[in-house]
Amino acid sequence: MPKQKTHSGTKKRIKVTGSGKLRRQKAGRRHLMEKKSNRVSRRLEGTAEVAPSDTRMVRRLLRR
């Protein structure tokens, strides 16, 4: 059986930290920013950890 390939979309969106945690960008920062308050913009900055319920599937997509 040929080697399985890593899921490209997941590879581009999720980074694995040194301790093995999965980090992702927060949603809602791409467009329509004029109507969003500065408070919301700041809250959406940075990265978030992938939800525990999604972690198993994301790891499977990354290790394929």
C-alpha atoms as a PDB file:
ATOM      1  CA  MET A   1       0.000   0.000   0.000  1.00  0.00           C
ATOM      2  CA  PRO A   2       1.419   3.458  -0.851  1.00  0.00           C
ATOM      3  CA  LYS A   3       2.279   5.968   1.835  1.00  0.00           C
ATOM      4  CA  GLN A   4      -0.622   8.165   2.917  1.00  0.00           C
ATOM      5  CA  LYS A   5      -0.272  11.904   2.493  1.00  0.00           C
ATOM      6  CA  THR A   6      -0.793  14.533   5.171  1.00  0.00           C
ATOM      7  CA  HIS A   7      -4.022  16.495   4.671  1.00  0.00           C
ATOM      8  CA  SER A   8      -2.796  19.739   3.021  1.00  0.00           C
ATOM      9  CA  GLY A   9      -5.583  21.956   4.368  1.00  0.00           C
ATOM     10  CA  THR A  10      -4.969  20.849   7.939  1.00  0.00           C
ATOM     11  CA  LYS A  11      -1.206  21.174   7.546  1.00  0.00           C
ATOM     12  CA  LYS A  12      -1.593  24.830   6.533  1.00  0.00           C
ATOM     13  CA  ARG A  13      -3.983  25.724   9.357  1.00  0.00           C
ATOM     14  CA  ILE A  14      -2.689  23.903  12.437  1.00  0.00           C
ATOM     15  CA  LYS A  15       0.717  23.925  14.117  1.00  0.00           C
ATOM     16  CA  VAL A  16       1.972  21.388  16.648  1.00  0.00           C
ATOM     17  CA  THR A  17       3.826  22.853  19.639  1.00  0.00           C
ATOM     18  CA  GLY A  18       6.933  21.337  21.175  1.00  0.00           C
ATOM     19  CA  SER A  19       4.851  19.671  23.874  1.00  0.00           C
ATOM     20  CA  GLY A  20       2.484  18.220  21.264  1.00  0.00           C
ATOM     21  CA  LYS A  21      -0.471  20.589  21.637  1.00  0.00           C
ATOM     22  CA  LEU A  22      -2.386  21.693  18.532  1.00  0.00           C
ATOM     23  CA  ARG A  23      -2.710  25.449  17.943  1.00  0.00           C
ATOM     24  CA  ARG A  24      -5.025  27.187  15.446  1.00  0.00           C
ATOM     25  CA  GLN A  25      -5.929  30.750  14.460  1.00  0.00           C
ATOM     26  CA  LYS A  26      -9.200  32.109  15.836  1.00  0.00           C
ATOM     27  CA  ALA A  27     -12.069  32.558  13.408  1.00  0.00           C
ATOM     28  CA  GLY A  28     -13.594  35.931  12.553  1.00  0.00           C
ATOM     29  CA  ARG A  29     -10.562  38.088  11.694  1.00  0.00           C
ATOM     30  CA  ARG A  30     -10.624  37.825   7.903  1.00  0.00           C
ATOM     31  CA  HIS A  31     -13.151  40.387   6.710  1.00  0.00           C
ATOM     32  CA  LEU A  32     -16.004  42.699   7.783  1.00  0.00           C
ATOM     33  CA  MET A  33     -13.620  44.136  10.383  1.00  0.00           C
ATOM     34  CA  GLU A  34     -14.969  47.712  10.185  1.00  0.00           C
ATOM     35  CA  LYS A  35     -18.124  46.841  12.068  1.00  0.00           C
ATOM     36  CA  LYS A  36     -16.328  44.801  14.725  1.00  0.00           C
ATOM     37  CA  SER A  37     -15.241  46.637  17.846  1.00  0.00           C
ATOM     38  CA  ASN A  38     -11.597  46.943  18.869  1.00  0.00           C
ATOM     39  CA  ARG A  39     -12.393  44.803  21.871  1.00  0.00           C
ATOM     40  CA  VAL A  40     -13.558  41.964  19.626  1.00  0.00           C
ATOM     41  CA  SER A  41     -10.519  42.385  17.345  1.00  0.00           C
ATOM     42  CA  ARG A  42      -8.155  42.055  20.282  1.00  0.00           C
ATOM     43  CA  ARG A  43     -10.012  39.049  21.654  1.00  0.00           C
ATOM     44  CA  LEU A  44      -9.569  37.300  18.311  1.00  0.00           C
ATOM     45  CA  GLU A  45      -5.801  37.930  18.154  1.00  0.00           C
ATOM     46  CA  GLY A  46      -3.320  35.113  18.519  1.00  0.00           C
ATOM     47  CA  THR A  47      -3.885  31.386  18.564  1.00  0.00           C
ATOM     48  CA  ALA A  48      -6.177  29.007  20.411  1.00  0.00           C
ATOM     49  CA  GLU A  49      -5.879  25.360  21.279  1.00  0.00           C
ATOM     50  CA  VAL A  50      -7.863  22.891  19.187  1.00  0.00           C
ATOM     51  CA  ALA A  51     -10.925  21.632  21.090  1.00  0.00           C
ATOM     52  CA  PRO A  52     -10.452  18.284  22.825  1.00  0.00           C
ATOM     53  CA  SER A  53     -13.342  16.788  20.838  1.00  0.00           C
ATOM     54  CA  ASP A  54     -11.578  17.670  17.555  1.00  0.00           C
ATOM     55  CA  THR A  55      -8.015  16.772  18.574  1.00  0.00           C
ATOM     56  CA  ARG A  56      -8.235  13.101  17.617  1.00  0.00           C
ATOM     57  CA  MET A  57      -9.469  13.830  14.082  1.00  0.00           C
ATOM     58  CA  VAL A  58      -6.930  16.632  13.505  1.00  0.00           C
ATOM     59  CA  ARG A  59      -4.031  14.426  14.604  1.00  0.00           C
ATOM     60  CA  ARG A  60      -5.239  11.736  12.198  1.00  0.00           C
ATOM     61  CA  LEU A  61      -5.308  14.244   9.335  1.00  0.00           C
ATOM     62  CA  LEU A  62      -1.784  15.429  10.196  1.00  0.00           C
ATOM     63  CA  ARG A  63      -0.150  12.028  10.532  1.00  0.00           C
ATOM     64  CA  ARG A  64      -1.669  10.401   7.429  1.00  0.00           C
END
